Amino acid sequence: MNISDHQIESKKKIGFLLENNPLYLEMYVKEYLQFVANIHKISESRVDEVIELVGITPEKSKK
């Protein structure tokens, strides 16, 4: 697949992380993750599951 012609599909297959994360500093960790998840139509239960899976449960209530 030509990455130039199929940018979004390519990024989905290889993963993509911006160099600078556009954080909202006034939001709590879980609140920000839920905000982004809502944009991508991901359920709140999945956000909770991933928070636990990656081990950031103690951080979810921090800004």
PDB file of N, CA and C in Angstrom:
ATOM      1  N   MET A   1       0.852  -1.171   0.000  1.00  0.00           N
ATOM      2  CA  MET A   1       0.000   0.000   0.000  1.00  0.00           C
ATOM      3  C   MET A   1       0.903   1.241   0.000  1.00  0.00           C
ATOM      4  N   ASN A   2       0.622   2.152  -0.856  1.00  0.00           N
ATOM      5  CA  ASN A   2       1.384   3.388  -0.925  1.00  0.00           C
ATOM      6  C   ASN A   2       0.934   4.314   0.205  1.00  0.00           C
ATOM      7  N   ILE A   3       1.849   4.631   1.104  1.00  0.00           N
ATOM      8  CA  ILE A   3       1.518   5.456   2.262  1.00  0.00           C
ATOM      9  C   ILE A   3       1.046   6.841   1.845  1.00  0.00           C
ATOM     10  N   SER A   4       1.620   7.394   0.816  1.00  0.00           N
ATOM     11  CA  SER A   4       1.223   8.730   0.352  1.00  0.00           C
ATOM     12  C   SER A   4      -0.213   8.746  -0.160  1.00  0.00           C
ATOM     13  N   ASP A   5      -0.606   7.679  -0.820  1.00  0.00           N
ATOM     14  CA  ASP A   5      -1.961   7.600  -1.374  1.00  0.00           C
ATOM     15  C   ASP A   5      -3.001   7.172  -0.347  1.00  0.00           C
ATOM     16  N   HIS A   6      -2.583   6.441   0.666  1.00  0.00           N
ATOM     17  CA  HIS A   6      -3.508   5.875   1.660  1.00  0.00           C
ATOM     18  C   HIS A   6      -3.016   6.188   3.071  1.00  0.00           C
ATOM     19  N   GLN A   7      -2.942   7.464   3.405  1.00  0.00           N
ATOM     20  CA  GLN A   7      -2.353   7.870   4.675  1.00  0.00           C
ATOM     21  C   GLN A   7      -3.090   7.326   5.891  1.00  0.00           C
ATOM     22  N   ILE A   8      -4.389   7.484   5.945  1.00  0.00           N
ATOM     23  CA  ILE A   8      -5.150   7.058   7.122  1.00  0.00           C
ATOM     24  C   ILE A   8      -5.103   5.549   7.287  1.00  0.00           C
ATOM     25  N   GLU A   9      -5.335   4.819   6.213  1.00  0.00           N
ATOM     26  CA  GLU A   9      -5.300   3.354   6.294  1.00  0.00           C
ATOM     27  C   GLU A   9      -3.916   2.867   6.714  1.00  0.00           C
ATOM     28  N   SER A  10      -2.875   3.502   6.194  1.00  0.00           N
ATOM     29  CA  SER A  10      -1.509   3.113   6.548  1.00  0.00           C
ATOM     30  C   SER A  10      -1.234   3.353   8.020  1.00  0.00           C
ATOM     31  N   LYS A  11      -1.657   4.509   8.525  1.00  0.00           N
ATOM     32  CA  LYS A  11      -1.429   4.833   9.932  1.00  0.00           C
ATOM     33  C   LYS A  11      -2.167   3.864  10.847  1.00  0.00           C
ATOM     34  N   LYS A  12      -3.344   3.395  10.438  1.00  0.00           N
ATOM     35  CA  LYS A  12      -4.092   2.428  11.242  1.00  0.00           C
ATOM     36  C   LYS A  12      -3.338   1.106  11.336  1.00  0.00           C
ATOM     37  N   LYS A  13      -2.647   0.734  10.274  1.00  0.00           N
ATOM     38  CA  LYS A  13      -1.956  -0.550  10.256  1.00  0.00           C
ATOM     39  C   LYS A  13      -0.614  -0.521  10.976  1.00  0.00           C
ATOM     40  N   ILE A  14       0.079   0.616  10.947  1.00  0.00           N
ATOM     41  CA  ILE A  14       1.412   0.677  11.550  1.00  0.00           C
ATOM     42  C   ILE A  14       1.414   1.387  12.900  1.00  0.00           C
ATOM     43  N   GLY A  15       0.327   2.050  13.234  1.00  0.00           N
ATOM     44  CA  GLY A  15       0.279   2.848  14.450  1.00  0.00           C
ATOM     45  C   GLY A  15       0.806   4.236  14.146  1.00  0.00           C
ATOM     46  N   PHE A  16       0.336   5.202  14.911  1.00  0.00           N
ATOM     47  CA  PHE A  16       0.735   6.580  14.647  1.00  0.00           C
ATOM     48  C   PHE A  16       0.638   7.365  15.941  1.00  0.00           C
ATOM     49  N   LEU A  17       1.707   8.018  16.326  1.00  0.00           N
ATOM     50  CA  LEU A  17       1.725   8.822  17.532  1.00  0.00           C
ATOM     51  C   LEU A  17       2.325  10.176  17.193  1.00  0.00           C
ATOM     52  N   LEU A  18       1.543  11.215  17.425  1.00  0.00           N
ATOM     53  CA  LEU A  18       2.035  12.558  17.174  1.00  0.00           C
ATOM     54  C   LEU A  18       3.213  12.866  18.085  1.00  0.00           C
ATOM     55  N   GLU A  19       4.121  13.702  17.619  1.00  0.00           N
ATOM     56  CA  GLU A  19       5.266  14.074  18.437  1.00  0.00           C
ATOM     57  C   GLU A  19       4.821  14.874  19.664  1.00  0.00           C
ATOM     58  N   ASN A  20       3.861  15.746  19.477  1.00  0.00           N
ATOM     59  CA  ASN A  20       3.332  16.543  20.579  1.00  0.00           C
ATOM     60  C   ASN A  20       1.884  16.165  20.811  1.00  0.00           C
ATOM     61  N   ASN A  21       1.578  15.756  22.047  1.00  0.00           N
ATOM     62  CA  ASN A  21       0.222  15.353  22.385  1.00  0.00           C
ATOM     63  C   ASN A  21      -0.601  16.592  22.724  1.00  0.00           C
ATOM     64  N   PRO A  22      -1.713  16.828  22.033  1.00  0.00           N
ATOM     65  CA  PRO A  22      -2.524  18.021  22.292  1.00  0.00           C
ATOM     66  C   PRO A  22      -3.383  17.854  23.546  1.00  0.00           C
ATOM     67  N   LEU A  23      -2.776  18.008  24.718  1.00  0.00           N
ATOM     68  CA  LEU A  23      -3.490  17.809  25.975  1.00  0.00           C
ATOM     69  C   LEU A  23      -4.246  19.064  26.399  1.00  0.00           C
ATOM     70  N   TYR A  24      -5.334  18.852  27.100  1.00  0.00           N
ATOM     71  CA  TYR A  24      -6.063  19.927  27.752  1.00  0.00           C
ATOM     72  C   TYR A  24      -5.674  19.845  29.226  1.00  0.00           C
ATOM     73  N   LEU A  25      -4.828  20.743  29.674  1.00  0.00           N
ATOM     74  CA  LEU A  25      -4.224  20.640  30.997  1.00  0.00           C
ATOM     75  C   LEU A  25      -5.231  20.707  32.141  1.00  0.00           C
ATOM     76  N   GLU A  26      -6.430  21.254  31.902  1.00  0.00           N
ATOM     77  CA  GLU A  26      -7.429  21.348  32.962  1.00  0.00           C
ATOM     78  C   GLU A  26      -8.248  20.060  33.106  1.00  0.00           C
ATOM     79  N   MET A  27      -8.052  19.102  32.210  1.00  0.00           N
ATOM     80  CA  MET A  27      -8.809  17.847  32.256  1.00  0.00           C
ATOM     81  C   MET A  27      -8.045  16.784  33.044  1.00  0.00           C
ATOM     82  N   TYR A  28      -8.804  15.928  33.727  1.00  0.00           N
ATOM     83  CA  TYR A  28      -8.218  14.773  34.395  1.00  0.00           C
ATOM     84  C   TYR A  28      -7.886  13.709  33.347  1.00  0.00           C
ATOM     85  N   VAL A  29      -6.981  12.803  33.694  1.00  0.00           N
ATOM     86  CA  VAL A  29      -6.517  11.779  32.746  1.00  0.00           C
ATOM     87  C   VAL A  29      -7.696  11.006  32.156  1.00  0.00           C
ATOM     88  N   LYS A  30      -8.563  10.457  33.003  1.00  0.00           N
ATOM     89  CA  LYS A  30      -9.689   9.673  32.486  1.00  0.00           C
ATOM     90  C   LYS A  30     -10.631  10.542  31.664  1.00  0.00           C
ATOM     91  N   GLU A  31     -10.844  11.755  32.108  1.00  0.00           N
ATOM     92  CA  GLU A  31     -11.726  12.678  31.391  1.00  0.00           C
ATOM     93  C   GLU A  31     -11.186  12.951  29.979  1.00  0.00           C
ATOM     94  N   TYR A  32      -9.867  13.144  29.874  1.00  0.00           N
ATOM     95  CA  TYR A  32      -9.263  13.379  28.563  1.00  0.00           C
ATOM     96  C   TYR A  32      -9.368  12.128  27.686  1.00  0.00           C
ATOM     97  N   LEU A  33      -9.071  10.967  28.255  1.00  0.00           N
ATOM     98  CA  LEU A  33      -9.157   9.728  27.480  1.00  0.00           C
ATOM     99  C   LEU A  33     -10.588   9.476  27.006  1.00  0.00           C
ATOM    100  N   GLN A  34     -11.561   9.770  27.855  1.00  0.00           N
ATOM    101  CA  GLN A  34     -12.964   9.600  27.463  1.00  0.00           C
ATOM    102  C   GLN A  34     -13.338  10.597  26.368  1.00  0.00           C
ATOM    103  N   PHE A  35     -12.831  11.813  26.460  1.00  0.00           N
ATOM    104  CA  PHE A  35     -13.075  12.831  25.439  1.00  0.00           C
ATOM    105  C   PHE A  35     -12.585  12.340  24.068  1.00  0.00           C
ATOM    106  N   VAL A  36     -11.356  11.833  24.031  1.00  0.00           N
ATOM    107  CA  VAL A  36     -10.791  11.329  22.779  1.00  0.00           C
ATOM    108  C   VAL A  36     -11.547  10.083  22.329  1.00  0.00           C
ATOM    109  N   ALA A  37     -11.904   9.210  23.265  1.00  0.00           N
ATOM    110  CA  ALA A  37     -12.653   7.999  22.929  1.00  0.00           C
ATOM    111  C   ALA A  37     -14.006   8.343  22.315  1.00  0.00           C
ATOM    112  N   ASN A  38     -14.662   9.366  22.846  1.00  0.00           N
ATOM    113  CA  ASN A  38     -15.951   9.782  22.293  1.00  0.00           C
ATOM    114  C   ASN A  38     -15.819  10.219  20.837  1.00  0.00           C
ATOM    115  N   ILE A  39     -14.754  10.894  20.526  1.00  0.00           N
ATOM    116  CA  ILE A  39     -14.505  11.319  19.140  1.00  0.00           C
ATOM    117  C   ILE A  39     -14.430  10.099  18.224  1.00  0.00           C
ATOM    118  N   HIS A  40     -13.821   9.026  18.739  1.00  0.00           N
ATOM    119  CA  HIS A  40     -13.625   7.806  17.941  1.00  0.00           C
ATOM    120  C   HIS A  40     -14.720   6.769  18.181  1.00  0.00           C
ATOM    121  N   LYS A  41     -15.781   7.176  18.904  1.00  0.00           N
ATOM    122  CA  LYS A  41     -16.924   6.294  19.184  1.00  0.00           C
ATOM    123  C   LYS A  41     -16.519   5.019  19.938  1.00  0.00           C
ATOM    124  N   ILE A  42     -15.673   5.205  20.962  1.00  0.00           N
ATOM    125  CA  ILE A  42     -15.232   4.110  21.817  1.00  0.00           C
ATOM    126  C   ILE A  42     -15.969   4.241  23.149  1.00  0.00           C
ATOM    127  N   SER A  43     -16.473   3.142  23.665  1.00  0.00           N
ATOM    128  CA  SER A  43     -17.296   3.173  24.874  1.00  0.00           C
ATOM    129  C   SER A  43     -16.487   3.500  26.126  1.00  0.00           C
ATOM    130  N   GLU A  44     -17.191   4.022  27.131  1.00  0.00           N
ATOM    131  CA  GLU A  44     -16.542   4.342  28.407  1.00  0.00           C
ATOM    132  C   GLU A  44     -16.027   3.070  29.073  1.00  0.00           C
ATOM    133  N   SER A  45     -16.736   1.968  28.914  1.00  0.00           N
ATOM    134  CA  SER A  45     -16.277   0.713  29.521  1.00  0.00           C
ATOM    135  C   SER A  45     -14.945   0.270  28.918  1.00  0.00           C
ATOM    136  N   ARG A  46     -14.746   0.533  27.633  1.00  0.00           N
ATOM    137  CA  ARG A  46     -13.471   0.184  26.992  1.00  0.00           C
ATOM    138  C   ARG A  46     -12.349   1.080  27.508  1.00  0.00           C
ATOM    139  N   VAL A  47     -12.669   2.350  27.753  1.00  0.00           N
ATOM    140  CA  VAL A  47     -11.669   3.271  28.321  1.00  0.00           C
ATOM    141  C   VAL A  47     -11.234   2.756  29.689  1.00  0.00           C
ATOM    142  N   ASP A  48     -12.196   2.363  30.530  1.00  0.00           N
ATOM    143  CA  ASP A  48     -11.874   1.818  31.851  1.00  0.00           C
ATOM    144  C   ASP A  48     -11.016   0.562  31.732  1.00  0.00           C
ATOM    145  N   GLU A  49     -11.369  -0.288  30.787  1.00  0.00           N
ATOM    146  CA  GLU A  49     -10.626  -1.539  30.568  1.00  0.00           C
ATOM    147  C   GLU A  49      -9.180  -1.257  30.175  1.00  0.00           C
ATOM    148  N   VAL A  50      -8.977  -0.311  29.282  1.00  0.00           N
ATOM    149  CA  VAL A  50      -7.627   0.010  28.812  1.00  0.00           C
ATOM    150  C   VAL A  50      -6.821   0.705  29.908  1.00  0.00           C
ATOM    151  N   ILE A  51      -7.460   1.565  30.685  1.00  0.00           N
ATOM    152  CA  ILE A  51      -6.774   2.211  31.808  1.00  0.00           C
ATOM    153  C   ILE A  51      -6.183   1.152  32.735  1.00  0.00           C
ATOM    154  N   GLU A  52      -6.981   0.145  33.051  1.00  0.00           N
ATOM    155  CA  GLU A  52      -6.496  -0.926  33.916  1.00  0.00           C
ATOM    156  C   GLU A  52      -5.439  -1.776  33.209  1.00  0.00           C
ATOM    157  N   LEU A  53      -5.672  -2.075  31.950  1.00  0.00           N
ATOM    158  CA  LEU A  53      -4.754  -2.913  31.182  1.00  0.00           C
ATOM    159  C   LEU A  53      -3.347  -2.320  31.115  1.00  0.00           C
ATOM    160  N   VAL A  54      -3.253  -1.015  30.920  1.00  0.00           N
ATOM    161  CA  VAL A  54      -1.931  -0.384  30.797  1.00  0.00           C
ATOM    162  C   VAL A  54      -1.365   0.078  32.141  1.00  0.00           C
ATOM    163  N   GLY A  55      -2.135  -0.095  33.207  1.00  0.00           N
ATOM    164  CA  GLY A  55      -1.616   0.169  34.544  1.00  0.00           C
ATOM    165  C   GLY A  55      -1.586   1.618  34.987  1.00  0.00           C
ATOM    166  N   ILE A  56      -2.525   2.426  34.486  1.00  0.00           N
ATOM    167  CA  ILE A  56      -2.542   3.829  34.916  1.00  0.00           C
ATOM    168  C   ILE A  56      -3.712   4.148  35.831  1.00  0.00           C
ATOM    169  N   THR A  57      -4.294   3.124  36.454  1.00  0.00           N
ATOM    170  CA  THR A  57      -5.425   3.349  37.352  1.00  0.00           C
ATOM    171  C   THR A  57      -5.114   4.405  38.415  1.00  0.00           C
ATOM    172  N   PRO A  58      -3.928   4.382  39.055  1.00  0.00           N
ATOM    173  CA  PRO A  58      -3.644   5.409  40.060  1.00  0.00           C
ATOM    174  C   PRO A  58      -3.570   6.832  39.482  1.00  0.00           C
ATOM    175  N   GLU A  59      -3.358   6.954  38.188  1.00  0.00           N
ATOM    176  CA  GLU A  59      -3.194   8.255  37.557  1.00  0.00           C
ATOM    177  C   GLU A  59      -4.491   8.814  36.973  1.00  0.00           C
ATOM    178  N   LYS A  60      -5.536   8.016  36.896  1.00  0.00           N
ATOM    179  CA  LYS A  60      -6.730   8.422  36.158  1.00  0.00           C
ATOM    180  C   LYS A  60      -7.464   9.631  36.756  1.00  0.00           C
ATOM    181  N   SER A  61      -7.230   9.900  38.026  1.00  0.00           N
ATOM    182  CA  SER A  61      -7.881  11.037  38.672  1.00  0.00           C
ATOM    183  C   SER A  61      -6.959  12.244  38.822  1.00  0.00           C
ATOM    184  N   LYS A  62      -5.850  12.213  38.117  1.00  0.00           N
ATOM    185  CA  LYS A  62      -4.893  13.336  38.171  1.00  0.00           C
ATOM    186  C   LYS A  62      -5.030  14.184  36.924  1.00  0.00           C
ATOM    187  N   LYS A  63      -4.651  15.445  37.052  1.00  0.00           N
ATOM    188  CA  LYS A  63      -4.667  16.332  35.890  1.00  0.00           C
ATOM    189  C   LYS A  63      -3.378  16.155  35.122  1.00  0.00           C
TER     190      LYS A  63
END
